[in-house]
C-alpha cells in the first residue's frame, strides 16, 4: 500500500465524507496520523491510523489488494482499535481474520456545547485533595508525561513539545513533582479536540480525572474548540455524563490476536 504525505490527503476526502470521528478528520486534514491507499488515482479505499485507533473507509478490497490491506493491518495496527466505517467493513474484517479478533464496545457522546454547565465545571476544578494542584501541560510536563506508559498518551500523538504547545492542550494533576492524573488533546481537527483522560492507579477515585477534565473543557470552550469525548468503558461514560455530556450511541471496534501466543497483538 502507498502511504500519503500530509499534503496529499485530499484524495481520500470523498471516501471519508460521512465520518464523525475527530481523529479521522484530523488525519484527512493532515494534522496528524498516517494514511494508506492502494493507488494514488481515485483510490477505492483507505486505512487511517492515529495513536491506538485505525479506520477503514471506501469499498472493501478483494484478491491481491485484500491481502495487502490484511498485511498492513497486521504490521501497523495489531494492538489498536480497528473501526469499520459500515457493516460491509465489519463483515470484511470478520471474514479476513477468522478466529483472530475480538469485538469490543466503545461509546460515543453527543456534540453539543449547550449541555455544559460552566458553574458546575468550575466547582469540579476546585474540588481537589490537599496537596494536589492542577497545571497546564508545558514543554517540561510534555517530556515528563512521555516517561511513563500510563501517561504517555497525553502527548504521544504530537511529535514535539513545540507542536503540542502550538496545536494541543492539556492539564495534569500534580502531587509534588509527580503527574498523577490528566486530561489532554489526544487528537486534533479543525475546531475540535479528542479527549484523553487517565489517572495513576493509586490516585483513582479522588476526583482528579473530574477536575482535570473540567479545566480542559472550560479552556476549550473559552477558545471556541469543542472537546469531543469517545468512551472506552461505561465508567468513562459516567464521568463524561457528570461533566455534562449526553450519551449518543454504542459502536463496535475490533482488536487482532497474535495467533502464535493467543494474546492480543502488541
C-alpha atoms as a PDB file:
ATOM      1  CA  UNK A   1       0.000   0.000   0.000  1.00  0.00           C
ATOM      2  CA  UNK A   2       1.032   3.617  -0.550  1.00  0.00           C
ATOM      3  CA  UNK A   3       1.392   5.979   2.398  1.00  0.00           C
ATOM      4  CA  UNK A   4       0.091   9.500   1.796  1.00  0.00           C
ATOM      5  CA  UNK A   5       2.021  12.522   2.987  1.00  0.00           C
ATOM      6  CA  UNK A   6       0.065  15.119   4.907  1.00  0.00           C
ATOM      7  CA  UNK A   7      -0.175  17.394   1.861  1.00  0.00           C
ATOM      8  CA  UNK A   8      -1.707  14.684  -0.377  1.00  0.00           C
ATOM      9  CA  UNK A   9      -4.586  13.505   1.756  1.00  0.00           C
ATOM     10  CA  UNK A  10      -7.274  15.479  -0.035  1.00  0.00           C
ATOM     11  CA  UNK A  11      -7.673  12.475  -2.349  1.00  0.00           C
ATOM     12  CA  UNK A  12      -9.344  10.461   0.436  1.00  0.00           C
ATOM     13  CA  UNK A  13     -11.903  13.111   1.393  1.00  0.00           C
ATOM     14  CA  UNK A  14     -14.595  11.574  -0.856  1.00  0.00           C
ATOM     15  CA  UNK A  15     -14.105   8.254   0.954  1.00  0.00           C
ATOM     16  CA  UNK A  16     -14.420   9.771   4.436  1.00  0.00           C
ATOM     17  CA  UNK A  17     -17.224  12.260   3.816  1.00  0.00           C
ATOM     18  CA  UNK A  18     -19.607  10.672   6.342  1.00  0.00           C
ATOM     19  CA  UNK A  19     -17.023  10.210   9.097  1.00  0.00           C
ATOM     20  CA  UNK A  20     -17.860  11.675  12.501  1.00  0.00           C
ATOM     21  CA  UNK A  21     -14.629  10.847  14.374  1.00  0.00           C
ATOM     22  CA  UNK A  22     -12.310  13.719  15.284  1.00  0.00           C
ATOM     23  CA  UNK A  23      -9.283  11.509  14.647  1.00  0.00           C
ATOM     24  CA  UNK A  24     -10.433  10.753  11.106  1.00  0.00           C
ATOM     25  CA  UNK A  25     -10.954  14.418  10.286  1.00  0.00           C
ATOM     26  CA  UNK A  26      -7.580  15.259  11.817  1.00  0.00           C
ATOM     27  CA  UNK A  27      -5.815  12.671   9.663  1.00  0.00           C
ATOM     28  CA  UNK A  28      -7.665  13.651   6.470  1.00  0.00           C
ATOM     29  CA  UNK A  29      -6.768  17.313   7.003  1.00  0.00           C
ATOM     30  CA  UNK A  30      -3.123  16.409   7.565  1.00  0.00           C
ATOM     31  CA  UNK A  31      -2.908  17.444  11.212  1.00  0.00           C
ATOM     32  CA  UNK A  32      -1.614  14.084  12.441  1.00  0.00           C
ATOM     33  CA  UNK A  33      -1.754  10.331  11.937  1.00  0.00           C
ATOM     34  CA  UNK A  34      -0.879   8.136   8.938  1.00  0.00           C
ATOM     35  CA  UNK A  35      -2.922   7.211   5.853  1.00  0.00           C
ATOM     36  CA  UNK A  36      -2.510   4.441   3.257  1.00  0.00           C
ATOM     37  CA  UNK A  37      -4.283   3.843  -0.065  1.00  0.00           C
ATOM     38  CA  UNK A  38      -3.948   1.101  -2.720  1.00  0.00           C
ATOM     39  CA  UNK A  39      -3.305   3.617  -5.530  1.00  0.00           C
ATOM     40  CA  UNK A  40      -2.945   7.383  -5.936  1.00  0.00           C
ATOM     41  CA  UNK A  41      -5.539   7.837  -8.692  1.00  0.00           C
ATOM     42  CA  UNK A  42      -9.100   7.588  -7.360  1.00  0.00           C
ATOM     43  CA  UNK A  43      -8.327   5.177  -4.507  1.00  0.00           C
ATOM     44  CA  UNK A  44     -11.236   2.868  -3.730  1.00  0.00           C
ATOM     45  CA  UNK A  45     -10.467   2.560  -0.016  1.00  0.00           C
ATOM     46  CA  UNK A  46      -8.104   3.848   2.658  1.00  0.00           C
ATOM     47  CA  UNK A  47      -6.639   2.887   6.015  1.00  0.00           C
ATOM     48  CA  UNK A  48      -6.215   5.639   8.610  1.00  0.00           C
ATOM     49  CA  UNK A  49      -4.037   5.103  11.700  1.00  0.00           C
ATOM     50  CA  UNK A  50      -3.717   7.551  14.575  1.00  0.00           C
ATOM     51  CA  UNK A  51      -2.473   6.584  18.021  1.00  0.00           C
ATOM     52  CA  UNK A  52      -4.299   3.451  19.157  1.00  0.00           C
ATOM     53  CA  UNK A  53      -7.022   3.740  16.512  1.00  0.00           C
ATOM     54  CA  UNK A  54      -7.422   2.578  12.916  1.00  0.00           C
ATOM     55  CA  UNK A  55     -10.274   3.300  10.491  1.00  0.00           C
ATOM     56  CA  UNK A  56     -11.346   1.679   7.228  1.00  0.00           C
ATOM     57  CA  UNK A  57     -13.264   3.605   4.559  1.00  0.00           C
ATOM     58  CA  UNK A  58     -14.364   3.012   0.991  1.00  0.00           C
ATOM     59  CA  UNK A  59     -15.059  -0.202  -0.914  1.00  0.00           C
ATOM     60  CA  UNK A  60     -13.824  -3.417   0.692  1.00  0.00           C
ATOM     61  CA  UNK A  61     -10.969  -4.852  -1.385  1.00  0.00           C
ATOM     62  CA  UNK A  62     -10.741  -8.322  -2.892  1.00  0.00           C
ATOM     63  CA  UNK A  63      -7.940 -10.529  -4.137  1.00  0.00           C
ATOM     64  CA  UNK A  64      -4.413  -9.134  -4.018  1.00  0.00           C
ATOM     65  CA  UNK A  65      -5.498  -5.768  -2.619  1.00  0.00           C
ATOM     66  CA  UNK A  66      -7.288  -7.544   0.237  1.00  0.00           C
ATOM     67  CA  UNK A  67      -4.094  -9.433   1.049  1.00  0.00           C
ATOM     68  CA  UNK A  68      -2.107  -6.184   1.026  1.00  0.00           C
ATOM     69  CA  UNK A  69      -4.556  -4.498   3.383  1.00  0.00           C
ATOM     70  CA  UNK A  70      -4.590  -7.509   5.682  1.00  0.00           C
ATOM     71  CA  UNK A  71      -0.777  -7.442   5.847  1.00  0.00           C
ATOM     72  CA  UNK A  72      -0.842  -3.703   6.564  1.00  0.00           C
ATOM     73  CA  UNK A  73      -3.292  -4.184   9.432  1.00  0.00           C
ATOM     74  CA  UNK A  74      -1.098  -6.904  10.936  1.00  0.00           C
ATOM     75  CA  UNK A  75       2.006  -4.744  10.563  1.00  0.00           C
ATOM     76  CA  UNK A  76       0.726  -1.357  11.712  1.00  0.00           C
ATOM     77  CA  UNK A  77      -2.484  -1.853  13.697  1.00  0.00           C
ATOM     78  CA  UNK A  78      -2.252  -5.134  15.592  1.00  0.00           C
ATOM     79  CA  UNK A  79      -2.820  -3.712  19.068  1.00  0.00           C
ATOM     80  CA  UNK A  80      -5.217  -0.972  18.015  1.00  0.00           C
ATOM     81  CA  UNK A  81      -8.967  -0.422  17.948  1.00  0.00           C
ATOM     82  CA  UNK A  82      -9.940  -1.032  14.325  1.00  0.00           C
ATOM     83  CA  UNK A  83     -13.169   0.777  13.452  1.00  0.00           C
ATOM     84  CA  UNK A  84     -15.110  -0.334  10.367  1.00  0.00           C
ATOM     85  CA  UNK A  85     -16.983   2.545   8.723  1.00  0.00           C
ATOM     86  CA  UNK A  86     -20.010   0.355   7.947  1.00  0.00           C
ATOM     87  CA  UNK A  87     -21.353  -3.205   8.143  1.00  0.00           C
ATOM     88  CA  UNK A  88     -19.560  -4.227   4.953  1.00  0.00           C
ATOM     89  CA  UNK A  89     -16.213  -3.443   6.531  1.00  0.00           C
ATOM     90  CA  UNK A  90     -17.224  -5.284   9.719  1.00  0.00           C
ATOM     91  CA  UNK A  91     -18.020  -8.355   7.619  1.00  0.00           C
ATOM     92  CA  UNK A  92     -14.739  -7.973   5.732  1.00  0.00           C
ATOM     93  CA  UNK A  93     -12.760  -7.917   8.987  1.00  0.00           C
ATOM     94  CA  UNK A  94     -14.536 -10.984  10.327  1.00  0.00           C
ATOM     95  CA  UNK A  95     -14.057 -12.907   7.079  1.00  0.00           C
ATOM     96  CA  UNK A  96     -10.419 -11.820   6.694  1.00  0.00           C
ATOM     97  CA  UNK A  97      -9.366 -12.622  10.280  1.00  0.00           C
ATOM     98  CA  UNK A  98     -11.451 -15.677  11.307  1.00  0.00           C
ATOM     99  CA  UNK A  99     -10.716 -16.562  14.925  1.00  0.00           C
ATOM    100  CA  UNK A 100      -8.079 -13.828  15.110  1.00  0.00           C
ATOM    101  CA  UNK A 101     -10.024 -10.939  16.631  1.00  0.00           C
ATOM    102  CA  UNK A 102     -12.217  -9.832  19.477  1.00  0.00           C
ATOM    103  CA  UNK A 103     -15.060  -7.338  19.278  1.00  0.00           C
ATOM    104  CA  UNK A 104     -15.290  -4.542  21.846  1.00  0.00           C
ATOM    105  CA  UNK A 105     -17.755  -1.765  22.529  1.00  0.00           C
ATOM    106  CA  UNK A 106     -16.966   1.927  22.579  1.00  0.00           C
ATOM    107  CA  UNK A 107     -19.354   4.723  23.418  1.00  0.00           C
ATOM    108  CA  UNK A 108     -19.852   7.974  21.551  1.00  0.00           C
ATOM    109  CA  UNK A 109     -21.141  11.102  23.292  1.00  0.00           C
ATOM    110  CA  UNK A 110     -23.196  13.820  21.603  1.00  0.00           C
ATOM    111  CA  UNK A 111     -21.503  17.007  20.460  1.00  0.00           C
ATOM    112  CA  UNK A 112     -23.389  19.987  21.863  1.00  0.00           C
ATOM    113  CA  UNK A 113     -21.647  22.686  23.895  1.00  0.00           C
ATOM    114  CA  UNK A 114     -25.006  23.773  25.354  1.00  0.00           C
ATOM    115  CA  UNK A 115     -25.010  20.661  27.563  1.00  0.00           C
ATOM    116  CA  UNK A 116     -22.186  22.026  29.727  1.00  0.00           C
ATOM    117  CA  UNK A 117     -22.673  23.998  32.940  1.00  0.00           C
ATOM    118  CA  UNK A 118     -19.671  26.270  33.403  1.00  0.00           C
ATOM    119  CA  UNK A 119     -20.616  26.767  37.053  1.00  0.00           C
ATOM    120  CA  UNK A 120     -20.534  23.013  37.708  1.00  0.00           C
ATOM    121  CA  UNK A 121     -17.269  22.609  35.817  1.00  0.00           C
ATOM    122  CA  UNK A 122     -15.627  25.387  37.838  1.00  0.00           C
ATOM    123  CA  UNK A 123     -16.701  23.688  41.062  1.00  0.00           C
ATOM    124  CA  UNK A 124     -15.089  20.413  39.964  1.00  0.00           C
ATOM    125  CA  UNK A 125     -11.819  22.209  39.224  1.00  0.00           C
ATOM    126  CA  UNK A 126     -11.584  23.467  42.774  1.00  0.00           C
ATOM    127  CA  UNK A 127     -12.507  20.216  44.499  1.00  0.00           C
ATOM    128  CA  UNK A 128      -9.018  18.750  44.877  1.00  0.00           C
ATOM    129  CA  UNK A 129      -7.435  16.763  47.726  1.00  0.00           C
ATOM    130  CA  UNK A 130      -4.925  18.592  49.904  1.00  0.00           C
ATOM    131  CA  UNK A 131      -1.522  18.906  48.261  1.00  0.00           C
ATOM    132  CA  UNK A 132      -2.776  18.310  44.710  1.00  0.00           C
ATOM    133  CA  UNK A 133      -2.668  21.129  42.167  1.00  0.00           C
ATOM    134  CA  UNK A 134      -3.643  21.452  38.501  1.00  0.00           C
ATOM    135  CA  UNK A 135      -1.073  22.553  35.927  1.00  0.00           C
ATOM    136  CA  UNK A 136      -1.264  23.166  32.208  1.00  0.00           C
ATOM    137  CA  UNK A 137       0.991  20.841  30.225  1.00  0.00           C
ATOM    138  CA  UNK A 138       4.062  22.767  29.053  1.00  0.00           C
ATOM    139  CA  UNK A 139       7.275  21.584  27.374  1.00  0.00           C
ATOM    140  CA  UNK A 140       8.675  20.160  30.603  1.00  0.00           C
ATOM    141  CA  UNK A 141       5.484  18.315  31.519  1.00  0.00           C
ATOM    142  CA  UNK A 142       5.236  17.044  27.935  1.00  0.00           C
ATOM    143  CA  UNK A 143       8.550  15.260  28.474  1.00  0.00           C
ATOM    144  CA  UNK A 144       7.523  14.054  31.934  1.00  0.00           C
ATOM    145  CA  UNK A 145       4.277  12.562  30.628  1.00  0.00           C
ATOM    146  CA  UNK A 146       6.121  10.581  27.953  1.00  0.00           C
ATOM    147  CA  UNK A 147       8.344   8.840  30.513  1.00  0.00           C
ATOM    148  CA  UNK A 148       5.609   6.573  31.898  1.00  0.00           C
ATOM    149  CA  UNK A 149       3.364   4.226  29.955  1.00  0.00           C
ATOM    150  CA  UNK A 150       0.148   5.215  31.742  1.00  0.00           C
ATOM    151  CA  UNK A 151       0.584   8.937  30.965  1.00  0.00           C
ATOM    152  CA  UNK A 152       2.374   8.953  27.599  1.00  0.00           C
ATOM    153  CA  UNK A 153      -0.834   9.255  25.549  1.00  0.00           C
ATOM    154  CA  UNK A 154      -1.376  12.718  26.987  1.00  0.00           C
ATOM    155  CA  UNK A 155       1.205  13.879  24.444  1.00  0.00           C
ATOM    156  CA  UNK A 156       2.358  10.930  22.313  1.00  0.00           C
ATOM    157  CA  UNK A 157       0.461  11.883  19.147  1.00  0.00           C
ATOM    158  CA  UNK A 158       2.340  15.194  18.961  1.00  0.00           C
ATOM    159  CA  UNK A 159       5.855  14.791  17.583  1.00  0.00           C
ATOM    160  CA  UNK A 160       7.485  17.606  19.574  1.00  0.00           C
ATOM    161  CA  UNK A 161       6.790  19.716  22.684  1.00  0.00           C
ATOM    162  CA  UNK A 162       6.535  22.739  20.403  1.00  0.00           C
ATOM    163  CA  UNK A 163       3.851  21.070  18.291  1.00  0.00           C
ATOM    164  CA  UNK A 164       1.894  20.200  21.429  1.00  0.00           C
ATOM    165  CA  UNK A 165       2.098  23.757  22.771  1.00  0.00           C
ATOM    166  CA  UNK A 166       1.053  25.204  19.414  1.00  0.00           C
ATOM    167  CA  UNK A 167      -1.737  22.796  18.460  1.00  0.00           C
ATOM    168  CA  UNK A 168      -2.669  20.792  21.547  1.00  0.00           C
ATOM    169  CA  UNK A 169      -3.849  21.388  25.099  1.00  0.00           C
ATOM    170  CA  UNK A 170      -3.736  19.503  28.366  1.00  0.00           C
ATOM    171  CA  UNK A 171      -3.943  19.751  32.146  1.00  0.00           C
ATOM    172  CA  UNK A 172      -2.482  17.434  34.755  1.00  0.00           C
ATOM    173  CA  UNK A 173      -2.921  16.958  38.494  1.00  0.00           C
ATOM    174  CA  UNK A 174       0.413  17.141  40.314  1.00  0.00           C
ATOM    175  CA  UNK A 175       1.390  15.632  43.651  1.00  0.00           C
ATOM    176  CA  UNK A 176       4.667  17.367  44.236  1.00  0.00           C
ATOM    177  CA  UNK A 177       6.639  16.837  41.016  1.00  0.00           C
ATOM    178  CA  UNK A 178       4.684  13.728  40.054  1.00  0.00           C
ATOM    179  CA  UNK A 179       1.896  13.631  37.462  1.00  0.00           C
ATOM    180  CA  UNK A 180      -0.974  11.649  38.979  1.00  0.00           C
ATOM    181  CA  UNK A 181      -3.867  12.376  36.600  1.00  0.00           C
ATOM    182  CA  UNK A 182      -4.590  14.348  33.465  1.00  0.00           C
ATOM    183  CA  UNK A 183      -6.822  15.318  30.587  1.00  0.00           C
ATOM    184  CA  UNK A 184      -5.400  16.325  27.224  1.00  0.00           C
ATOM    185  CA  UNK A 185      -5.936  16.500  23.477  1.00  0.00           C
ATOM    186  CA  UNK A 186      -5.335  13.003  22.101  1.00  0.00           C
ATOM    187  CA  UNK A 187      -6.155  14.139  18.578  1.00  0.00           C
ATOM    188  CA  UNK A 188      -6.993  17.401  16.834  1.00  0.00           C
ATOM    189  CA  UNK A 189      -9.073  18.575  13.919  1.00  0.00           C
ATOM    190  CA  UNK A 190     -10.500  21.896  12.831  1.00  0.00           C
ATOM    191  CA  UNK A 191     -12.215  23.349  15.898  1.00  0.00           C
ATOM    192  CA  UNK A 192     -12.204  20.048  17.822  1.00  0.00           C
ATOM    193  CA  UNK A 193     -10.069  18.038  20.231  1.00  0.00           C
ATOM    194  CA  UNK A 194     -10.446  14.344  21.051  1.00  0.00           C
ATOM    195  CA  UNK A 195     -10.076  13.909  24.808  1.00  0.00           C
ATOM    196  CA  UNK A 196      -7.644  11.580  26.590  1.00  0.00           C
ATOM    197  CA  UNK A 197      -8.168  11.054  30.347  1.00  0.00           C
ATOM    198  CA  UNK A 198      -6.028   8.890  32.630  1.00  0.00           C
ATOM    199  CA  UNK A 199      -5.235   8.612  36.345  1.00  0.00           C
ATOM    200  CA  UNK A 200      -2.378   6.814  38.068  1.00  0.00           C
ATOM    201  CA  UNK A 201      -3.829   3.686  39.674  1.00  0.00           C
ATOM    202  CA  UNK A 202      -3.167   4.585  43.314  1.00  0.00           C
ATOM    203  CA  UNK A 203      -4.760   8.039  42.841  1.00  0.00           C
ATOM    204  CA  UNK A 204      -8.037   6.888  41.319  1.00  0.00           C
ATOM    205  CA  UNK A 205     -11.449   7.717  42.824  1.00  0.00           C
ATOM    206  CA  UNK A 206     -10.257  11.022  44.281  1.00  0.00           C
ATOM    207  CA  UNK A 207     -11.948  13.340  41.769  1.00  0.00           C
ATOM    208  CA  UNK A 208      -8.706  14.066  39.914  1.00  0.00           C
ATOM    209  CA  UNK A 209      -9.883  12.994  36.457  1.00  0.00           C
ATOM    210  CA  UNK A 210     -13.040  15.027  37.018  1.00  0.00           C
ATOM    211  CA  UNK A 211     -11.053  18.149  37.959  1.00  0.00           C
ATOM    212  CA  UNK A 212      -8.567  17.832  35.082  1.00  0.00           C
ATOM    213  CA  UNK A 213     -11.355  17.181  32.575  1.00  0.00           C
ATOM    214  CA  UNK A 214     -13.405  20.107  33.832  1.00  0.00           C
ATOM    215  CA  UNK A 215     -10.470  22.514  33.447  1.00  0.00           C
ATOM    216  CA  UNK A 216      -9.742  21.121  29.982  1.00  0.00           C
ATOM    217  CA  UNK A 217     -13.372  21.505  28.858  1.00  0.00           C
ATOM    218  CA  UNK A 218     -13.655  25.049  30.217  1.00  0.00           C
ATOM    219  CA  UNK A 219     -10.465  26.091  28.427  1.00  0.00           C
ATOM    220  CA  UNK A 220     -11.663  24.522  25.175  1.00  0.00           C
ATOM    221  CA  UNK A 221     -14.978  26.356  25.373  1.00  0.00           C
ATOM    222  CA  UNK A 222     -13.179  29.646  26.045  1.00  0.00           C
ATOM    223  CA  UNK A 223     -11.085  29.076  22.902  1.00  0.00           C
ATOM    224  CA  UNK A 224     -14.032  28.078  20.711  1.00  0.00           C
ATOM    225  CA  UNK A 225     -12.892  24.450  20.492  1.00  0.00           C
ATOM    226  CA  UNK A 226     -15.229  21.508  21.046  1.00  0.00           C
ATOM    227  CA  UNK A 227     -13.846  18.792  23.402  1.00  0.00           C
ATOM    228  CA  UNK A 228     -15.099  15.524  21.893  1.00  0.00           C
ATOM    229  CA  UNK A 229     -15.435  12.531  24.234  1.00  0.00           C
ATOM    230  CA  UNK A 230     -15.327   8.932  22.971  1.00  0.00           C
ATOM    231  CA  UNK A 231     -15.538   6.490  25.883  1.00  0.00           C
ATOM    232  CA  UNK A 232     -13.746   3.172  26.268  1.00  0.00           C
ATOM    233  CA  UNK A 233     -15.980   1.947  29.122  1.00  0.00           C
ATOM    234  CA  UNK A 234     -19.245   2.596  30.932  1.00  0.00           C
ATOM    235  CA  UNK A 235     -17.177   4.104  33.755  1.00  0.00           C
ATOM    236  CA  UNK A 236     -15.837   6.634  31.254  1.00  0.00           C
ATOM    237  CA  UNK A 237     -19.403   7.292  30.081  1.00  0.00           C
ATOM    238  CA  UNK A 238     -20.377   8.028  33.693  1.00  0.00           C
ATOM    239  CA  UNK A 239     -17.535  10.526  34.083  1.00  0.00           C
ATOM    240  CA  UNK A 240     -18.493  12.191  30.811  1.00  0.00           C
ATOM    241  CA  UNK A 241     -22.139  12.485  31.858  1.00  0.00           C
ATOM    242  CA  UNK A 242     -21.137  14.068  35.176  1.00  0.00           C
ATOM    243  CA  UNK A 243     -19.217  16.680  33.172  1.00  0.00           C
ATOM    244  CA  UNK A 244     -22.302  17.452  31.066  1.00  0.00           C
ATOM    245  CA  UNK A 245     -22.033  15.126  28.075  1.00  0.00           C
ATOM    246  CA  UNK A 246     -25.045  13.148  26.854  1.00  0.00           C
ATOM    247  CA  UNK A 247     -24.703   9.577  25.625  1.00  0.00           C
ATOM    248  CA  UNK A 248     -25.198   9.145  21.883  1.00  0.00           C
ATOM    249  CA  UNK A 249     -24.517   5.571  20.783  1.00  0.00           C
ATOM    250  CA  UNK A 250     -22.558   2.377  21.309  1.00  0.00           C
ATOM    251  CA  UNK A 251     -20.430   1.104  18.439  1.00  0.00           C
ATOM    252  CA  UNK A 252     -18.161  -1.862  17.764  1.00  0.00           C
ATOM    253  CA  UNK A 253     -14.401  -1.970  17.252  1.00  0.00           C
ATOM    254  CA  UNK A 254     -12.048  -4.873  16.575  1.00  0.00           C
ATOM    255  CA  UNK A 255      -8.700  -5.944  18.038  1.00  0.00           C
ATOM    256  CA  UNK A 256      -6.481  -8.593  16.480  1.00  0.00           C
ATOM    257  CA  UNK A 257      -4.892 -11.557  18.266  1.00  0.00           C
ATOM    258  CA  UNK A 258      -1.344 -12.791  17.859  1.00  0.00           C
ATOM    259  CA  UNK A 259      -2.139 -16.344  16.786  1.00  0.00           C
ATOM    260  CA  UNK A 260       1.241 -17.700  17.943  1.00  0.00           C
ATOM    261  CA  UNK A 261       0.754 -16.590  21.556  1.00  0.00           C
ATOM    262  CA  UNK A 262      -3.027 -16.480  21.670  1.00  0.00           C
ATOM    263  CA  UNK A 263      -2.779 -12.998  23.135  1.00  0.00           C
ATOM    264  CA  UNK A 264      -3.765  -9.630  21.757  1.00  0.00           C
ATOM    265  CA  UNK A 265      -1.123  -8.357  19.386  1.00  0.00           C
ATOM    266  CA  UNK A 266       1.216  -5.766  20.874  1.00  0.00           C
END
